[in-house]
Protein backbone atom coordinates (compact mmCIF):
# COMPACT_ATOMS: atom_id res chain seq x y z
CA MET A 1 23.38 18.78 63.06
CA SER A 2 26.89 19.78 61.66
CA ALA A 3 28.16 23.24 60.38
CA GLU A 4 27.90 23.08 56.28
CA PHE A 5 29.97 25.76 54.10
CA VAL A 6 28.96 27.03 50.72
CA GLU A 7 30.12 29.29 48.57
CA SER A 8 27.70 31.75 47.21
CA ILE A 9 27.64 32.77 43.44
CA HIS A 10 29.90 35.78 43.99
CA GLY A 11 32.57 33.70 45.76
CA LYS A 12 32.07 34.32 49.21
CA ARG A 13 31.81 31.69 51.85
CA ARG A 14 29.11 31.04 53.62
CA LEU A 15 27.41 28.93 56.58
CA CYS A 16 24.53 26.72 56.01
CA TYR A 17 22.90 25.63 59.32
CA LEU A 18 19.19 24.50 60.18
CA GLY A 19 17.94 25.89 57.16
CA TYR A 20 19.16 29.30 57.85
CA ARG A 21 22.19 30.88 55.90
CA TYR A 22 24.76 32.94 57.45
CA SER A 23 27.48 35.72 55.85
CA LEU A 24 31.14 35.50 57.64
CA LYS A 25 31.35 39.15 59.57
CA CYS A 26 35.36 37.98 61.30
CA LYS A 27 37.29 34.97 62.58
CA ASN A 28 37.75 34.89 66.12
CA GLN A 29 41.54 34.26 67.72
CA ASN A 30 40.48 30.76 69.05
CA ASP A 31 40.03 30.07 65.34
CA SER A 32 35.70 30.06 66.04
CA GLU A 33 34.14 32.16 63.02
CA TYR A 34 31.33 34.81 63.80
CA TRP A 35 28.63 34.87 61.29
CA VAL A 36 25.43 37.07 60.39
CA CYS A 37 22.02 35.92 58.76
CA VAL A 38 21.88 37.06 55.36
CA LYS A 39 18.13 37.77 56.36
CA CYS A 40 18.37 38.88 59.03
CA ASN A 41 20.30 40.21 62.29
CA ALA A 42 20.62 36.77 63.78
CA THR A 43 24.03 35.45 64.62
CA ALA A 44 26.35 32.25 64.93
CA THR A 45 29.29 30.80 65.67
CA SER A 46 31.12 27.55 64.07
CA TYR A 47 34.17 26.36 65.34
CA SER A 48 36.94 23.79 64.52
CA ASP A 49 34.94 20.66 64.94
CA SER A 50 32.25 21.80 63.09
CA SER A 51 30.21 22.69 65.70
CA VAL A 52 28.00 25.34 65.52
CA LEU A 53 26.30 28.32 68.38
CA VAL A 54 23.00 30.24 67.66
CA ARG A 55 23.31 33.16 69.93
CA ASP A 56 19.97 35.18 68.00
CA ALA A 57 16.18 34.07 67.04
CA HIS A 58 15.72 34.54 63.53
CA THR A 59 12.97 36.49 62.60
CA HIS A 60 12.00 34.85 59.87
CA LEU A 61 11.48 30.72 58.78
CA PRO A 62 13.74 28.03 57.87
CA ASP A 63 14.11 27.97 54.20
CA GLY A 64 15.33 23.89 53.27
CA THR A 65 15.27 24.89 49.75
CA ASP A 66 18.01 27.19 50.42
CA MET A 67 21.80 25.44 49.59
CA GLU A 68 19.66 23.89 46.61
CA ILE A 69 18.75 27.33 44.82
CA LEU A 70 22.20 28.54 45.47
CA GLN A 71 23.76 25.47 43.83
CA ILE A 72 21.16 25.90 40.90
CA ARG A 73 22.49 29.44 40.80
CA LYS A 74 26.21 28.63 41.02
CA THR A 75 25.20 25.49 38.46
CA LEU A 76 23.84 28.64 35.98
CA LYS A 77 26.67 31.32 36.01
CA HIS A 78 29.35 28.82 35.62
CA GLU A 79 27.53 27.61 32.22
CA VAL A 80 26.86 30.75 31.22
CA ILE A 81 30.56 32.26 31.80
CA GLU A 82 32.01 28.92 30.27
CA GLU A 83 29.73 28.30 27.19
CA SER A 84 28.38 30.32 24.26
CA GLY A 85 24.80 29.23 24.46
CA PRO A 86 21.86 31.55 24.57
CA ILE A 87 21.50 32.42 27.84
CA ASP A 88 17.51 31.55 27.69
CA ARG A 89 17.98 28.26 26.84
CA ILE A 90 20.33 27.91 29.45
CA VAL A 91 18.15 29.37 32.34
CA GLU A 92 14.81 27.43 31.00
CA GLU A 93 16.44 24.32 30.36
CA ALA A 94 17.72 24.69 34.40
CA TYR A 95 14.45 25.66 35.59
CA HIS A 96 12.44 22.92 33.78
CA ALA A 97 15.34 20.20 35.73
CA ALA A 98 14.52 21.60 38.74
CA ASN A 99 10.72 21.81 37.88
CA ARG A 100 10.96 18.14 37.45
CA GLN A 101 12.96 16.65 40.21
CA SER A 102 12.34 18.93 42.74
CA GLN A 103 10.48 16.93 45.49
CA SER A 104 8.27 19.91 46.19
CA ASN A 105 7.15 22.95 44.96
CA ASN A 106 9.09 25.00 47.35
CA LEU A 107 12.41 25.11 45.20
CA ILE A 108 10.07 26.20 41.96
CA ILE A 109 8.56 28.78 44.39
CA ASN A 110 12.01 30.34 45.69
CA LEU A 111 14.19 30.59 42.89
CA PRO A 112 13.81 34.03 41.26
CA SER A 113 12.15 34.36 38.22
CA ILE A 114 13.32 33.48 35.03
CA HIS A 115 13.18 37.12 33.35
CA ILE A 116 15.34 37.79 36.78
CA MET A 117 17.49 35.03 36.77
CA LYS A 118 18.14 35.99 32.88
CA ASP A 119 18.89 39.52 33.24
CA THR A 120 21.27 38.76 36.16
CA LEU A 121 22.79 36.12 34.22
CA GLN A 122 23.08 38.26 31.47
CA LYS A 123 25.46 40.98 33.46
CA GLN A 124 27.55 38.29 34.51
CA ARG A 125 28.16 36.96 31.04
CA ARG A 126 29.16 40.58 29.84
CA LYS A 127 31.53 40.86 32.84
CA THR A 128 33.98 37.89 31.48
CA ARG A 129 33.95 38.99 28.26
CA PRO A 130 35.52 41.86 26.02
CA PRO A 131 33.14 44.89 25.33
CA ILE A 132 31.37 44.86 21.69
CA PRO A 133 33.87 46.15 19.19
CA GLN A 134 32.49 49.11 16.99
CA SER A 135 35.21 48.41 13.84
CA ILE A 136 36.97 45.23 13.34
CA GLU A 137 39.87 46.75 14.57
CA GLN A 138 39.00 46.79 17.85
CA LEU A 139 38.68 42.54 17.87
CA PRO A 140 41.21 40.93 19.75
CA TYR A 141 44.38 38.88 18.19
CA PRO A 142 44.00 36.19 17.65
CA LEU A 143 40.11 35.75 18.48
CA PRO A 144 39.21 33.83 21.65
CA ASP A 145 37.69 29.95 20.67
CA VAL A 146 34.89 30.55 22.36
CA TYR A 147 34.00 33.36 19.40
CA CYS A 148 35.01 30.94 16.15
CA LYS A 149 32.82 27.83 16.58
CA THR A 150 29.21 26.94 16.71
CA THR A 151 27.02 25.74 19.45
CA LYS A 152 27.85 22.56 18.16
CA ASP A 153 31.46 23.17 18.80
CA GLU A 154 32.47 23.65 14.88
CA LEU A 155 34.43 26.03 13.61
CA PHE A 156 33.51 28.82 11.69
CA LEU A 157 35.81 31.58 11.29
CA LEU A 158 38.17 30.07 8.97
CA TYR A 159 40.60 33.29 8.93
CA GLY A 160 41.11 36.26 11.31
CA GLY A 161 44.21 37.68 10.26
CA SER A 162 45.40 39.76 7.80
CA LEU A 163 44.68 40.07 4.26
CA GLY A 164 46.26 42.84 1.89
CA GLY A 165 47.60 44.18 4.71
CA THR A 166 43.82 44.95 6.93
CA ARG A 167 42.37 43.04 9.13
CA SER A 168 40.01 40.28 7.63
CA LEU A 169 37.52 37.61 9.01
CA VAL A 170 36.84 34.74 6.67
CA PHE A 171 33.60 32.94 8.18
CA CYS A 172 33.26 29.53 6.62
CA VAL A 173 32.43 25.78 7.65
CA VAL A 174 34.18 22.84 6.12
CA GLN A 175 30.66 21.76 4.58
CA VAL A 176 30.66 25.01 2.89
CA ILE A 177 34.34 24.38 1.39
CA THR A 178 33.17 20.83 0.57
CA ASP A 179 30.17 21.94 -1.36
CA GLU A 180 31.90 24.57 -3.18
CA CYS A 181 34.71 21.76 -4.24
CA LEU A 182 31.74 19.64 -5.86
CA ILE A 183 30.59 22.65 -7.37
CA TYR A 184 33.65 24.37 -9.31
CA GLY A 185 35.60 20.94 -9.99
CA ASN A 186 39.77 20.11 -9.50
CA VAL A 187 40.76 23.49 -8.74
CA VAL A 188 39.31 23.97 -5.15
CA THR A 189 39.41 20.82 -4.28
CA LYS A 190 43.51 20.22 -4.70
CA LEU A 191 43.73 23.96 -3.47
CA TRP A 192 41.60 23.00 -0.16
CA GLN A 193 43.46 19.83 0.02
CA SER A 194 47.04 21.52 0.03
CA TYR A 195 45.26 24.05 2.88
CA ASP A 196 44.18 21.07 4.32
CA ASP A 197 47.69 19.37 4.33
CA GLY A 198 48.97 22.68 5.91
CA ARG A 199 51.12 23.28 2.63
CA ILE A 200 49.18 26.31 1.93
CA ASP A 201 47.85 29.06 4.59
CA ILE A 202 44.27 30.67 4.11
CA PRO A 203 44.95 33.98 2.74
CA ALA A 204 47.22 31.91 -0.15
CA PHE A 205 44.35 29.83 -0.54
CA LEU A 206 42.24 32.78 -1.18
CA LYS A 207 44.46 34.37 -3.25
CA ALA A 208 44.90 31.31 -6.04
CA ALA A 209 41.16 30.25 -5.57
CA GLY A 210 39.33 33.63 -5.93
CA MET A 211 36.64 34.72 -3.97
CA ARG A 212 34.30 34.03 -7.09
CA TYR A 213 34.66 30.60 -6.31
CA PHE A 214 32.72 31.22 -3.40
CA GLN A 215 29.81 33.20 -4.66
CA ARG A 216 26.88 30.61 -5.58
CA PRO A 217 25.39 30.30 -9.09
CA PRO A 218 22.13 32.60 -9.51
CA LYS A 219 19.24 30.72 -9.09
CA SER A 220 17.44 29.63 -12.64
């Protein structure tokens, strides 16, 4: 059997061979590589022709699901970093899919618990996100797109700049603006069309329309 190399969730190169996973210890002068099992002290050497020489006996049984579990964890890590969806949903969907597609119960048994996986992914996502701001002045400018869209990829941050010399955020979606146009008639409709055509910006739109247009009429 030839050597198989994978990348861990931390970006480290790993050797997978006969159901065992090894971490790289050092690279030798003849281009061979010296590996140590991630679960015990067994060692192996891999060569440029993809052959592997195992030098010690393992103190545990091989795990045929090891590579599959690693791939699931890598996929989950990439998804929670690249997307803004709830981590609970992302993890639960992945575990349900694994449960449906798995040919044996070993995969589900060997996966970390859902609680542990959610906690781990929360920590990994926080490493890639700016710290939670304590005031609006601490928000980055401009805000990254990931913070400006809904889970359906609809833009809900209408404006995130200065209004009257003060940093301001205007949250809205096009449907709400459209509803307001229907309620208040031609004034807002024409202003929104001017913004949509690029003739005015959001500060000018808000100043001309007046925030009174975005207050719902009282319920009768």
